[in-house]
């Protein structure tokens, strides 16, 4: 089926899902937010139980909001007005993990990601349904949005909030939502002009500075979606309101717009560095908007686009634009205003100098992605020099991405968690310890030797006495999907050097008579065979407990062996190649 037809099917299914979910929720009562649930984060560090109820309430808001906009039926409007009243009566729009009750007596008025989103959602519904909502509902929206969002922001001198000059997704989400809210609700005049100038300054000066010239979002693909989506919504509102200020015309924004397509592979697999996901679902609406604006935007297969019910947070910007921007794009393609959608490139190399990433795509849906960087990146993992390997949709060598978000995960104990520490990544363990966190612990060189070979120098990532050099050379064969990893460590003889590989798939170890070792990772569609020379002692496969981002317990296979020393050098050359799985 052609890509265009798949997007048309997606759009039809999307509207059907809005209808089905709003019908399902019509006679349900919204769950109540309790003080006990709110307190859990402070007491136990768990945030998911409170958020499950909080976001269920946003499901009601988004479902009946979008149903009302698409079909304008009286029963949807009536239910929406009830839901809006419930949202306006909440004691705090911020999440429990984002407030500081002991430090801030005004904590109920915290403006965080979800508070800014809630204010924007209500203001947007006010604007789009102005002739259909009751005066009582409209007054409720204006009162609460001004009280909780616009007035506090306007009355405080910039930068009034820590996220206003942050270089991460918080800036784009909070500033973007507040900026659009101001466009909808503030009267035209000098006050509104100054407000929008402040928003544009924060986004252009700080948020965009969080990206290098290569357009990479080091926080991870999911955070690119979240931050960039909200920035683009504001930018599009801003340029419609005042075409003289068009952030989408900035060259850096156009470069950032292409980041998503770099991260996608066959079977919907994605780059999962930092707190990313290896199975990200992409926003169809945003992708359609970008394809309307820029040449050569490429679409992952639409079967991996996020459905209306696919976002547990029920983010209004993504849900509304998933319908509106997709519809507009299809109309423009039909009118031949824009070209038909293009699929992802199947082969090629992306060498991303600023982020120190290299993406190598080979035949038959094989890919290898390696990174240098430093250990103070946004949503950092201690993973300088690591890589992941994909074959036909299977992450045979894994980057686990995000673990469960708990209080510990964002504390000084972060690097005690398996998925964030060195042992949770495909990289050497030197001197018996992991890499250290901090910007000084980094790759001092990340070079492209030729089209398919990269060299990473990263001794600086380790705080180990007696270590002079850590070099890793990775060479990928795009024809076969095989590759070699050659590690060269110059260190004192008493410094141990272990290879370390991570996979979710079963592993077997084979020792030959010539002391050549072979490890086999058994995927469902392929086996990945790893051959290397003699090791010090046994090749170990240990089961490591991991709690993933959805709070599910997993056991991850970690493969390790000690490298032989030759005078002051510890060298290991690993050969990786694919075979058909056992029947």
Protein backbone atom coordinates (compact mmCIF):
# COMPACT_ATOMS: atom_id res chain seq x y z
CA UNK A 1 0.00 0.00 0.00
CA UNK A 2 1.27 3.48 -0.85
CA UNK A 3 2.38 5.73 1.99
CA UNK A 4 -0.33 8.24 1.12
CA UNK A 5 -3.05 5.59 1.38
CA UNK A 6 -1.69 4.48 4.73
CA UNK A 7 -1.91 8.05 6.05
CA UNK A 8 -5.49 8.31 4.77
CA UNK A 9 -6.33 5.09 6.61
CA UNK A 10 -4.65 6.47 9.73
CA UNK A 11 -6.76 9.65 9.55
CA UNK A 12 -9.99 7.68 9.16
CA UNK A 13 -9.11 5.39 12.07
CA UNK A 14 -8.18 8.38 14.19
CA UNK A 15 -11.63 9.95 13.85
CA UNK A 16 -13.29 6.61 14.53
CA UNK A 17 -11.23 6.24 17.69
CA UNK A 18 -12.22 9.72 18.90
CA UNK A 19 -15.86 8.74 18.38
CA UNK A 20 -15.50 5.35 20.09
CA UNK A 21 -13.66 6.67 23.13
CA UNK A 22 -16.00 9.62 23.66
CA UNK A 23 -18.97 7.23 23.44
CA UNK A 24 -17.29 4.89 25.90
CA UNK A 25 -16.63 7.70 28.38
CA UNK A 26 -20.01 9.38 28.01
CA UNK A 27 -21.64 7.63 30.95
CA UNK A 28 -18.52 7.22 33.06
CA UNK A 29 -17.71 9.42 36.02
CA UNK A 30 -14.31 11.09 36.11
CA UNK A 31 -12.08 9.58 38.81
CA UNK A 32 -11.31 11.81 41.77
CA UNK A 33 -7.86 13.14 42.62
CA UNK A 34 -7.25 12.38 46.29
CA UNK A 35 -4.82 13.82 48.80
CA UNK A 36 -3.59 10.29 49.57
CA UNK A 37 -2.56 9.72 45.95
CA UNK A 38 -0.91 13.13 45.76
CA UNK A 39 1.11 12.36 48.92
CA UNK A 40 2.51 9.08 47.59
CA UNK A 41 5.38 10.65 45.70
CA UNK A 42 6.73 12.35 48.83
CA UNK A 43 6.23 9.24 50.98
CA UNK A 44 7.25 6.36 48.70
CA UNK A 45 8.69 7.99 45.57
CA UNK A 46 5.91 6.47 43.40
CA UNK A 47 4.34 8.93 40.99
CA UNK A 48 2.47 6.60 38.65
CA UNK A 49 -0.67 5.98 40.73
CA UNK A 50 -1.48 9.68 41.07
CA UNK A 51 -0.62 10.32 37.44
CA UNK A 52 -2.88 7.48 36.27
CA UNK A 53 -5.89 9.30 37.75
CA UNK A 54 -4.66 12.75 36.68
CA UNK A 55 -4.22 11.70 33.06
CA UNK A 56 -7.49 9.76 33.01
CA UNK A 57 -9.18 13.07 33.70
CA UNK A 58 -7.26 14.59 30.75
CA UNK A 59 -8.56 11.73 28.62
CA UNK A 60 -12.09 12.98 29.27
CA UNK A 61 -11.02 16.54 28.41
CA UNK A 62 -9.26 15.62 25.18
CA UNK A 63 -11.85 13.10 23.98
CA UNK A 64 -14.87 15.35 24.41
CA UNK A 65 -12.92 18.43 23.36
CA UNK A 66 -11.91 16.89 20.03
CA UNK A 67 -15.29 15.22 19.48
CA UNK A 68 -16.96 18.61 19.98
CA UNK A 69 -14.63 20.27 17.46
CA UNK A 70 -15.06 17.56 14.81
CA UNK A 71 -18.83 16.98 15.03
CA UNK A 72 -20.27 19.85 17.11
CA UNK A 73 -22.91 17.61 18.69
CA UNK A 74 -24.90 18.85 21.65
CA UNK A 75 -24.29 15.76 23.80
CA UNK A 76 -20.50 16.14 23.35
CA UNK A 77 -20.61 19.84 24.23
CA UNK A 78 -22.66 19.14 27.36
CA UNK A 79 -20.28 16.47 28.56
CA UNK A 80 -17.30 18.68 27.74
CA UNK A 81 -18.72 21.50 29.86
CA UNK A 82 -19.06 19.15 32.81
CA UNK A 83 -15.46 17.98 32.33
CA UNK A 84 -14.17 21.56 32.07
CA UNK A 85 -15.90 22.40 35.34
CA UNK A 86 -14.19 19.44 37.02
CA UNK A 87 -10.76 20.42 35.68
CA UNK A 88 -11.24 24.04 36.77
CA UNK A 89 -12.06 22.85 40.30
CA UNK A 90 -8.84 20.86 40.74
CA UNK A 91 -6.72 22.12 43.60
CA UNK A 92 -3.47 21.94 41.63
CA UNK A 93 -2.83 21.50 37.92
CA UNK A 94 0.82 20.51 38.43
CA UNK A 95 1.92 16.91 38.99
CA UNK A 96 2.83 15.81 42.50
CA UNK A 97 6.43 15.09 41.41
CA UNK A 98 6.85 18.73 40.32
CA UNK A 99 5.69 20.64 43.41
CA UNK A 100 7.70 21.56 46.51
CA UNK A 101 5.15 21.73 49.27
CA UNK A 102 7.67 22.09 52.08
CA UNK A 103 9.45 25.00 50.39
CA UNK A 104 6.64 26.81 48.59
CA UNK A 105 3.48 27.88 50.46
CA UNK A 106 1.95 28.73 47.08
CA UNK A 107 2.67 25.25 45.67
CA UNK A 108 -0.87 24.80 44.34
CA UNK A 109 -0.09 27.47 41.76
CA UNK A 110 3.03 25.71 40.45
CA UNK A 111 3.37 26.09 36.70
CA UNK A 112 4.89 22.90 35.36
CA UNK A 113 4.49 20.92 32.15
CA UNK A 114 0.96 19.72 32.81
CA UNK A 115 -0.28 22.94 34.37
CA UNK A 116 0.77 24.89 31.29
CA UNK A 117 -0.78 22.21 29.07
CA UNK A 118 -4.04 22.33 31.00
CA UNK A 119 -4.24 26.10 30.73
CA UNK A 120 -3.53 25.95 27.01
CA UNK A 121 -6.07 23.17 26.40
CA UNK A 122 -8.83 25.13 28.10
CA UNK A 123 -7.90 28.36 26.29
CA UNK A 124 -7.82 26.57 22.94
CA UNK A 125 -11.23 24.99 23.51
CA UNK A 126 -12.51 28.41 24.55
CA UNK A 127 -11.31 29.82 21.22
CA UNK A 128 -12.46 27.00 18.93
CA UNK A 129 -15.87 26.53 20.61
CA UNK A 130 -16.56 30.12 21.62
CA UNK A 131 -20.02 30.15 20.03
CA UNK A 132 -21.05 26.80 21.53
CA UNK A 133 -19.86 26.86 25.14
CA UNK A 134 -22.05 28.45 27.76
CA UNK A 135 -21.15 31.82 29.21
CA UNK A 136 -20.67 30.15 32.59
CA UNK A 137 -18.14 27.68 31.16
CA UNK A 138 -16.27 30.37 29.26
CA UNK A 139 -16.07 32.56 32.35
CA UNK A 140 -14.79 29.61 34.38
CA UNK A 141 -12.04 29.00 31.81
CA UNK A 142 -10.97 32.64 31.69
CA UNK A 143 -10.95 32.98 35.46
CA UNK A 144 -8.88 29.85 36.15
CA UNK A 145 -6.44 30.25 33.26
CA UNK A 146 -5.69 33.85 34.20
CA UNK A 147 -5.48 33.02 37.93
CA UNK A 148 -3.20 30.01 37.58
CA UNK A 149 -1.17 30.76 34.43
CA UNK A 150 -1.29 34.13 32.72
CA UNK A 151 -1.42 36.53 35.68
CA UNK A 152 1.39 34.83 37.67
CA UNK A 153 3.58 34.71 34.57
CA UNK A 154 2.92 38.34 33.58
CA UNK A 155 3.43 39.66 37.10
CA UNK A 156 6.87 38.07 37.56
CA UNK A 157 10.01 39.45 36.00
CA UNK A 158 11.77 37.18 33.50
CA UNK A 159 13.21 34.67 34.01
CA UNK A 160 10.62 34.03 36.73
CA UNK A 161 10.69 30.24 36.43
CA UNK A 162 13.65 27.89 36.19
CA UNK A 163 12.37 26.49 32.88
CA UNK A 164 12.23 29.91 31.24
CA UNK A 165 15.96 29.83 30.53
CA UNK A 166 16.34 26.03 30.40
CA UNK A 167 17.71 24.34 27.28
CA UNK A 168 15.48 21.26 27.50
CA UNK A 169 11.91 20.26 26.71
CA UNK A 170 10.50 22.03 29.79
CA UNK A 171 11.22 25.36 28.15
CA UNK A 172 9.41 24.46 24.93
CA UNK A 173 6.43 22.87 26.66
CA UNK A 174 5.84 25.51 29.31
CA UNK A 175 6.72 28.55 27.22
CA UNK A 176 5.02 27.20 24.11
CA UNK A 177 1.75 26.45 25.89
CA UNK A 178 1.73 29.74 27.80
CA UNK A 179 2.53 31.65 24.62
CA UNK A 180 -0.37 30.09 22.71
CA UNK A 181 -2.66 30.70 25.69
CA UNK A 182 -1.72 34.37 25.59
CA UNK A 183 -2.49 34.56 21.87
CA UNK A 184 -5.95 33.13 22.52
CA UNK A 185 -6.96 35.08 25.63
CA UNK A 186 -5.01 38.35 25.92
CA UNK A 187 -6.34 41.50 24.31
CA UNK A 188 -4.16 42.95 21.54
CA UNK A 189 -1.88 45.73 22.71
CA UNK A 190 1.56 46.49 24.19
CA UNK A 191 1.12 44.05 27.09
CA UNK A 192 0.41 41.14 24.75
CA UNK A 193 3.26 42.12 22.42
CA UNK A 194 5.71 42.18 25.35
CA UNK A 195 4.37 38.85 26.61
CA UNK A 196 4.94 37.15 23.25
CA UNK A 197 8.36 38.72 22.83
CA UNK A 198 9.32 37.22 26.19
CA UNK A 199 8.13 33.79 25.09
CA UNK A 200 9.94 33.95 21.75
CA UNK A 201 13.14 35.11 23.46
CA UNK A 202 13.03 32.19 25.92
CA UNK A 203 12.50 29.60 23.19
CA UNK A 204 14.91 31.00 20.61
CA UNK A 205 17.68 31.88 23.08
CA UNK A 206 17.55 28.84 25.36
CA UNK A 207 15.47 25.93 24.06
CA UNK A 208 17.01 25.99 20.61
CA UNK A 209 20.47 26.31 22.19
CA UNK A 210 19.93 22.83 23.61
CA UNK A 211 20.40 21.47 20.08
CA UNK A 212 23.64 21.43 18.15
CA UNK A 213 23.78 22.38 14.51
CA UNK A 214 23.14 18.71 13.69
CA UNK A 215 19.62 18.97 15.16
CA UNK A 216 20.00 16.09 17.62
CA UNK A 217 17.90 16.02 20.78
CA UNK A 218 20.21 14.40 23.32
CA UNK A 219 17.31 13.88 25.75
CA UNK A 220 15.94 11.21 23.45
CA UNK A 221 13.39 10.93 20.66
CA UNK A 222 10.38 11.02 23.01
CA UNK A 223 11.56 14.30 24.46
CA UNK A 224 12.10 15.68 20.96
CA UNK A 225 8.47 14.85 20.21
CA UNK A 226 7.25 16.41 23.45
CA UNK A 227 9.31 19.59 23.36
CA UNK A 228 9.36 20.23 19.63
CA UNK A 229 5.65 19.49 19.26
CA UNK A 230 4.73 22.16 21.80
CA UNK A 231 7.20 24.66 20.33
CA UNK A 232 5.83 24.12 16.81
CA UNK A 233 2.24 24.59 18.00
CA UNK A 234 3.19 27.96 19.46
CA UNK A 235 5.30 28.89 16.42
CA UNK A 236 2.39 28.15 14.10
CA UNK A 237 -0.03 30.12 16.31
CA UNK A 238 2.48 32.98 16.47
CA UNK A 239 3.05 33.22 12.73
CA UNK A 240 -0.70 33.12 12.09
CA UNK A 241 -1.17 35.90 14.63
CA UNK A 242 1.82 37.91 13.39
CA UNK A 243 3.58 36.61 10.23
CA UNK A 244 6.51 38.95 10.92
CA UNK A 245 7.64 36.52 13.64
CA UNK A 246 8.09 33.10 12.04
CA UNK A 247 10.24 30.74 14.09
CA UNK A 248 9.62 27.96 11.58
CA UNK A 249 11.72 29.89 9.06
CA UNK A 250 14.84 29.55 11.24
CA UNK A 251 17.46 27.28 9.66
CA UNK A 252 18.13 25.54 12.96
CA UNK A 253 14.45 24.72 13.41
CA UNK A 254 14.39 23.13 9.95
CA UNK A 255 17.40 21.00 10.89
CA UNK A 256 15.75 19.91 14.15
CA UNK A 257 12.64 18.99 12.16
CA UNK A 258 14.58 16.17 10.46
CA UNK A 259 15.70 14.52 13.72
CA UNK A 260 12.79 12.11 13.92
CA UNK A 261 13.51 10.40 10.61
CA UNK A 262 17.14 9.82 11.66
CA UNK A 263 15.95 7.86 14.69
CA UNK A 264 13.55 5.42 13.02
CA UNK A 265 14.32 1.97 11.59
CA UNK A 266 12.36 -1.01 10.32
CA UNK A 267 9.56 -2.45 12.46
CA UNK A 268 9.23 0.88 14.24
CA UNK A 269 12.48 0.51 16.19
CA UNK A 270 14.05 3.74 17.39
CA UNK A 271 17.27 5.04 18.89
CA UNK A 272 16.88 4.80 22.67
CA UNK A 273 19.89 6.70 24.03
CA UNK A 274 19.35 8.56 27.31
CA UNK A 275 15.77 8.26 28.55
CA UNK A 276 14.51 7.27 25.13
CA UNK A 277 12.45 4.30 23.98
CA UNK A 278 13.40 1.59 21.52
CA UNK A 279 9.80 1.37 20.30
CA UNK A 280 8.76 4.99 19.95
CA UNK A 281 5.46 5.87 18.31
CA UNK A 282 5.63 9.00 16.23
CA UNK A 283 3.21 11.95 16.03
CA UNK A 284 1.49 11.87 12.65
CA UNK A 285 0.14 15.41 12.97
CA UNK A 286 3.52 16.97 13.68
CA UNK A 287 5.15 14.99 10.86
CA UNK A 288 2.45 16.17 8.43
CA UNK A 289 2.91 19.78 9.54
CA UNK A 290 6.67 19.55 9.00
CA UNK A 291 6.17 17.92 5.59
CA UNK A 292 3.95 20.86 4.67
CA UNK A 293 6.74 23.28 5.61
CA UNK A 294 10.01 21.64 4.56
CA UNK A 295 11.31 19.55 1.68
CA UNK A 296 12.41 15.95 2.14
CA UNK A 297 10.67 15.25 5.45
CA UNK A 298 10.36 11.48 5.56
CA UNK A 299 7.64 9.42 7.21
CA UNK A 300 8.17 6.24 9.19
CA UNK A 301 5.58 3.61 8.32
CA UNK A 302 2.20 4.97 9.51
CA UNK A 303 1.46 1.73 11.36
CA UNK A 304 3.96 3.08 13.93
CA UNK A 305 2.25 6.45 14.28
CA UNK A 306 0.67 7.05 17.67
CA UNK A 307 -3.07 6.55 17.70
CA UNK A 308 -5.52 8.84 19.47
CA UNK A 309 -5.38 6.58 22.54
CA UNK A 310 -1.63 5.96 22.32
CA UNK A 311 -0.46 8.74 24.64
CA UNK A 312 -0.95 7.94 28.33
CA UNK A 313 -0.72 11.66 29.13
CA UNK A 314 -3.50 12.62 26.69
CA UNK A 315 -1.57 15.69 25.60
CA UNK A 316 -3.98 18.03 23.84
CA UNK A 317 -1.47 19.50 21.41
CA UNK A 318 -0.53 16.12 20.01
CA UNK A 319 -4.11 14.83 19.96
CA UNK A 320 -5.63 17.89 18.31
CA UNK A 321 -2.85 18.25 15.72
CA UNK A 322 -2.99 14.50 15.06
CA UNK A 323 -6.40 15.24 13.59
CA UNK A 324 -6.08 18.82 12.32
CA UNK A 325 -2.57 18.87 10.80
CA UNK A 326 -3.03 15.43 9.25
CA UNK A 327 -6.30 16.52 7.64
CA UNK A 328 -4.70 19.71 6.29
CA UNK A 329 -1.73 17.83 4.87
CA UNK A 330 -3.90 15.31 3.05
CA UNK A 331 -5.94 18.14 1.57
CA UNK A 332 -2.77 19.90 0.41
CA UNK A 333 -1.43 16.70 -1.18
CA UNK A 334 -4.76 16.25 -2.93
CA UNK A 335 -4.53 19.81 -4.29
CA UNK A 336 -0.86 19.17 -5.26
CA UNK A 337 0.26 22.05 -3.06
CA UNK A 338 2.82 19.69 -1.49
CA UNK A 339 4.44 16.46 -2.67
CA UNK A 340 3.25 13.02 -1.67
CA UNK A 341 4.83 11.60 1.50
CA UNK A 342 8.28 10.01 1.28
CA UNK A 343 9.36 6.87 3.19
CA UNK A 344 12.53 6.55 5.26
CA UNK A 345 15.85 5.99 3.55
CA UNK A 346 16.79 2.32 3.75
CA UNK A 347 20.60 2.71 3.66
CA UNK A 348 23.13 5.40 4.45
CA UNK A 349 25.28 7.04 7.10
CA UNK A 350 24.51 9.96 9.40
CA UNK A 351 27.55 11.33 11.19
CA UNK A 352 26.25 13.81 13.76
CA UNK A 353 29.28 15.75 14.88
CA UNK A 354 27.82 17.89 17.65
CA UNK A 355 26.03 15.10 19.50
CA UNK A 356 28.78 12.58 18.60
CA UNK A 357 26.37 10.03 17.19
CA UNK A 358 26.95 7.86 14.12
CA UNK A 359 24.01 6.06 12.49
CA UNK A 360 24.93 3.32 10.01
CA UNK A 361 22.14 1.69 7.97
CA UNK A 362 22.81 -1.44 5.93
CA UNK A 363 20.93 -3.79 3.67
CA UNK A 364 18.18 -6.08 4.92
CA UNK A 365 17.16 -3.71 7.70
CA UNK A 366 20.42 -3.83 9.64
CA UNK A 367 21.70 -0.82 11.57
CA UNK A 368 24.36 0.11 14.07
CA UNK A 369 24.27 3.32 16.12
CA UNK A 370 27.21 4.44 18.27
CA UNK A 371 27.75 7.43 20.52
CA UNK A 372 30.48 9.39 22.21
CA UNK A 373 29.27 12.49 24.02
CA UNK A 374 29.63 13.12 27.73
CA UNK A 375 28.04 12.00 30.97
CA UNK A 376 26.18 15.22 31.73
CA UNK A 377 23.71 15.09 28.88
CA UNK A 378 20.00 15.80 29.41
CA UNK A 379 18.38 12.71 30.98
CA UNK A 380 21.92 11.38 31.12
CA UNK A 381 23.07 7.78 31.20
CA UNK A 382 26.74 6.98 31.81
CA UNK A 383 27.21 5.54 28.34
CA UNK A 384 30.09 7.21 26.49
CA UNK A 385 31.37 4.82 23.81
CA UNK A 386 28.28 2.60 23.78
CA UNK A 387 26.35 1.36 20.74
CA UNK A 388 23.23 -0.57 19.78
CA UNK A 389 22.61 -3.00 16.94
CA UNK A 390 19.38 -3.74 15.07
CA UNK A 391 18.56 -6.48 12.59
CA UNK A 392 15.17 -6.65 10.96
CA UNK A 393 13.50 -4.94 13.90
CA UNK A 394 15.28 -6.86 16.65
CA UNK A 395 17.57 -4.99 19.05
CA UNK A 396 20.06 -7.80 19.40
CA UNK A 397 22.43 -5.50 21.28
CA UNK A 398 20.27 -3.18 23.32
CA UNK A 399 20.20 0.30 24.71
CA UNK A 400 17.54 -0.05 27.39
CA UNK A 401 16.51 3.60 27.36
CA UNK A 402 14.39 4.90 30.19
CA UNK A 403 13.66 3.08 33.41
CA UNK A 404 10.69 3.72 35.66
CA UNK A 405 10.47 7.36 36.72
CA UNK A 406 10.65 7.39 40.50
CA UNK A 407 12.04 9.76 43.09
CA UNK A 408 15.26 7.72 43.18
CA UNK A 409 15.61 7.90 39.39
CA UNK A 410 16.04 11.68 39.61
CA UNK A 411 18.15 11.72 42.78
CA UNK A 412 21.81 11.29 43.68
CA UNK A 413 21.15 7.53 43.52
CA UNK A 414 20.33 7.64 39.79
CA UNK A 415 23.46 5.78 38.73
CA UNK A 416 22.77 2.86 41.04
CA UNK A 417 19.98 1.90 38.63
CA UNK A 418 20.95 -0.69 36.03
CA UNK A 419 19.74 1.07 32.87
CA UNK A 420 21.55 4.34 33.63
CA UNK A 421 24.93 2.93 34.71
CA UNK A 422 27.78 1.65 32.57
CA UNK A 423 26.97 -2.03 33.16
CA UNK A 424 23.62 -1.43 31.49
CA UNK A 425 25.31 -0.49 28.19
CA UNK A 426 27.50 -2.04 25.50
CA UNK A 427 30.85 -0.65 26.67
CA UNK A 428 33.96 -1.71 28.60
CA UNK A 429 34.02 -1.84 32.40
CA UNK A 430 37.49 -0.74 33.49
CA UNK A 431 39.01 -1.11 36.94
CA UNK A 432 35.86 -2.78 38.22
CA UNK A 433 33.84 0.43 38.21
CA UNK A 434 31.38 2.21 35.95
CA UNK A 435 31.98 5.46 34.15
CA UNK A 436 31.36 8.57 36.26
CA UNK A 437 28.65 11.19 35.84
CA UNK A 438 29.60 14.73 34.88
CA UNK A 439 30.55 16.74 31.82
CA UNK A 440 34.28 16.09 32.35
CA UNK A 441 33.68 12.38 31.81
CA UNK A 442 33.49 12.37 28.04
CA UNK A 443 34.82 11.25 24.70
CA UNK A 444 37.85 13.31 23.72
CA UNK A 445 37.57 12.20 20.09
CA UNK A 446 34.76 10.91 17.90
CA UNK A 447 36.01 10.55 14.35
CA UNK A 448 34.81 9.10 11.09
CA UNK A 449 37.69 7.18 9.50
CA UNK A 450 35.68 6.34 6.39
CA UNK A 451 32.08 5.90 5.30
CA UNK A 452 31.49 2.91 7.59
CA UNK A 453 34.16 3.14 10.31
CA UNK A 454 34.30 5.34 13.39
CA UNK A 455 36.90 5.77 16.12
CA UNK A 456 35.99 6.77 19.67
CA UNK A 457 38.57 7.83 22.26
CA UNK A 458 37.02 7.93 25.74
CA UNK A 459 39.53 7.34 28.53
CA UNK A 460 38.22 10.58 30.07
CA UNK A 461 34.88 8.88 30.79
CA UNK A 462 36.56 6.70 33.44
CA UNK A 463 37.92 7.91 36.74
CA UNK A 464 40.39 5.05 37.12
CA UNK A 465 44.03 5.47 38.11
CA UNK A 466 46.54 3.87 35.74
CA UNK A 467 44.36 4.18 32.61
CA UNK A 468 45.94 6.20 29.80
CA UNK A 469 44.00 5.29 26.67
CA UNK A 470 40.63 3.79 25.76
CA UNK A 471 40.06 3.48 22.01
CA UNK A 472 37.13 1.79 20.30
CA UNK A 473 36.98 1.31 16.54
CA UNK A 474 33.69 0.16 15.02
CA UNK A 475 33.50 -0.91 11.38
CA UNK A 476 30.16 -1.84 9.79
CA UNK A 477 29.59 -3.83 6.59
CA UNK A 478 26.43 -2.45 4.99
CA UNK A 479 26.17 -5.37 2.55
CA UNK A 480 26.00 -8.13 5.18
CA UNK A 481 25.11 -6.30 8.40
CA UNK A 482 28.21 -7.75 10.09
CA UNK A 483 30.59 -5.53 12.02
CA UNK A 484 33.75 -5.50 14.13
CA UNK A 485 34.46 -3.74 17.41
CA UNK A 486 38.13 -3.36 18.32
CA UNK A 487 38.91 -2.11 21.83
CA UNK A 488 42.40 -0.98 22.81
CA UNK A 489 43.08 -0.01 26.42
CA UNK A 490 46.46 1.21 27.66
CA UNK A 491 46.59 0.72 31.42
CA UNK A 492 48.59 -0.65 34.32
CA UNK A 493 48.75 -4.44 34.53
CA UNK A 494 46.66 -4.56 37.70
CA UNK A 495 43.73 -2.70 36.10
CA UNK A 496 41.05 -5.15 34.99
CA UNK A 497 39.26 -4.58 31.67
CA UNK A 498 35.95 -6.34 31.00
CA UNK A 499 33.90 -6.33 27.85
CA UNK A 500 30.22 -5.79 28.54
CA UNK A 501 27.24 -6.42 26.25
CA UNK A 502 23.52 -6.17 26.94
CA UNK A 503 20.55 -7.92 25.32
CA UNK A 504 16.98 -8.90 26.09
CA UNK A 505 17.34 -12.11 24.04
CA UNK A 506 18.60 -15.56 25.21
CA UNK A 507 22.35 -16.12 25.10
CA UNK A 508 24.53 -19.21 24.74
CA UNK A 509 28.32 -19.42 25.20
CA UNK A 510 30.57 -21.79 23.22
CA UNK A 511 34.24 -22.41 24.00
CA UNK A 512 36.33 -23.93 21.18
CA UNK A 513 39.35 -26.19 21.52
CA UNK A 514 41.60 -23.37 20.35
CA UNK A 515 40.31 -21.19 23.21
CA UNK A 516 38.40 -19.04 20.74
CA UNK A 517 35.21 -17.92 22.32
CA UNK A 518 31.85 -17.61 20.65
CA UNK A 519 28.70 -16.09 22.09
CA UNK A 520 25.34 -16.40 20.34
CA UNK A 521 22.38 -14.09 20.93
CA UNK A 522 19.20 -15.86 19.84
CA UNK A 523 16.68 -13.48 18.31
CA UNK A 524 13.44 -14.63 16.74
CA UNK A 525 14.42 -13.68 13.18
CA UNK A 526 18.22 -13.79 13.45
CA UNK A 527 21.06 -15.09 15.56
CA UNK A 528 23.88 -12.67 16.29
CA UNK A 529 27.17 -14.53 16.60
CA UNK A 530 30.08 -12.86 18.42
CA UNK A 531 33.56 -14.30 18.05
CA UNK A 532 36.60 -13.10 19.99
CA UNK A 533 39.91 -14.39 21.32
CA UNK A 534 40.88 -15.85 24.65
CA UNK A 535 39.48 -14.33 27.83
CA UNK A 536 40.69 -14.32 31.44
CA UNK A 537 38.41 -16.90 33.02
CA UNK A 538 34.85 -17.69 32.06
CA UNK A 539 32.48 -15.76 29.84
CA UNK A 540 29.63 -14.85 32.16
CA UNK A 541 25.96 -14.28 31.35
CA UNK A 542 24.15 -12.73 34.28
CA UNK A 543 20.48 -11.88 34.69
CA UNK A 544 20.15 -8.23 35.69
CA UNK A 545 16.86 -6.92 37.11
CA UNK A 546 15.45 -3.92 35.27
CA UNK A 547 12.23 -1.96 35.77
CA UNK A 548 11.25 -0.40 32.46
CA UNK A 549 9.52 2.93 31.88
CA UNK A 550 6.10 1.28 32.15
CA UNK A 551 7.08 -0.04 35.63
CA UNK A 552 7.31 -3.63 34.34
CA UNK A 553 9.95 -5.95 35.81
CA UNK A 554 12.38 -7.49 33.33
CA UNK A 555 15.51 -9.62 33.46
CA UNK A 556 18.23 -8.41 31.08
CA UNK A 557 21.08 -10.63 29.90
CA UNK A 558 24.47 -9.05 30.54
CA UNK A 559 27.43 -10.73 28.84
CA UNK A 560 30.90 -10.05 30.24
CA UNK A 561 34.43 -11.35 30.07
CA UNK A 562 37.84 -10.10 31.14
CA UNK A 563 40.30 -9.12 28.42
CA UNK A 564 43.83 -10.52 28.47
CA UNK A 565 46.65 -8.04 29.19
CA UNK A 566 49.69 -7.86 26.92
CA UNK A 567 52.27 -5.82 28.81
CA UNK A 568 50.42 -2.51 29.30
CA UNK A 569 47.78 -3.15 26.66
CA UNK A 570 44.41 -4.86 26.94
CA UNK A 571 43.08 -5.54 23.44
CA UNK A 572 39.95 -7.27 22.23
CA UNK A 573 38.64 -7.59 18.69
CA UNK A 574 35.06 -8.81 18.39
CA UNK A 575 33.48 -10.06 15.17
CA UNK A 576 29.68 -9.85 14.95
CA UNK A 577 27.71 -11.55 12.19
CA UNK A 578 24.18 -12.79 11.57
CA UNK A 579 22.95 -16.35 11.06
CA UNK A 580 19.51 -17.82 10.61
CA UNK A 581 17.87 -18.85 13.88
CA UNK A 582 17.62 -22.49 14.89
CA UNK A 583 14.43 -24.17 13.80
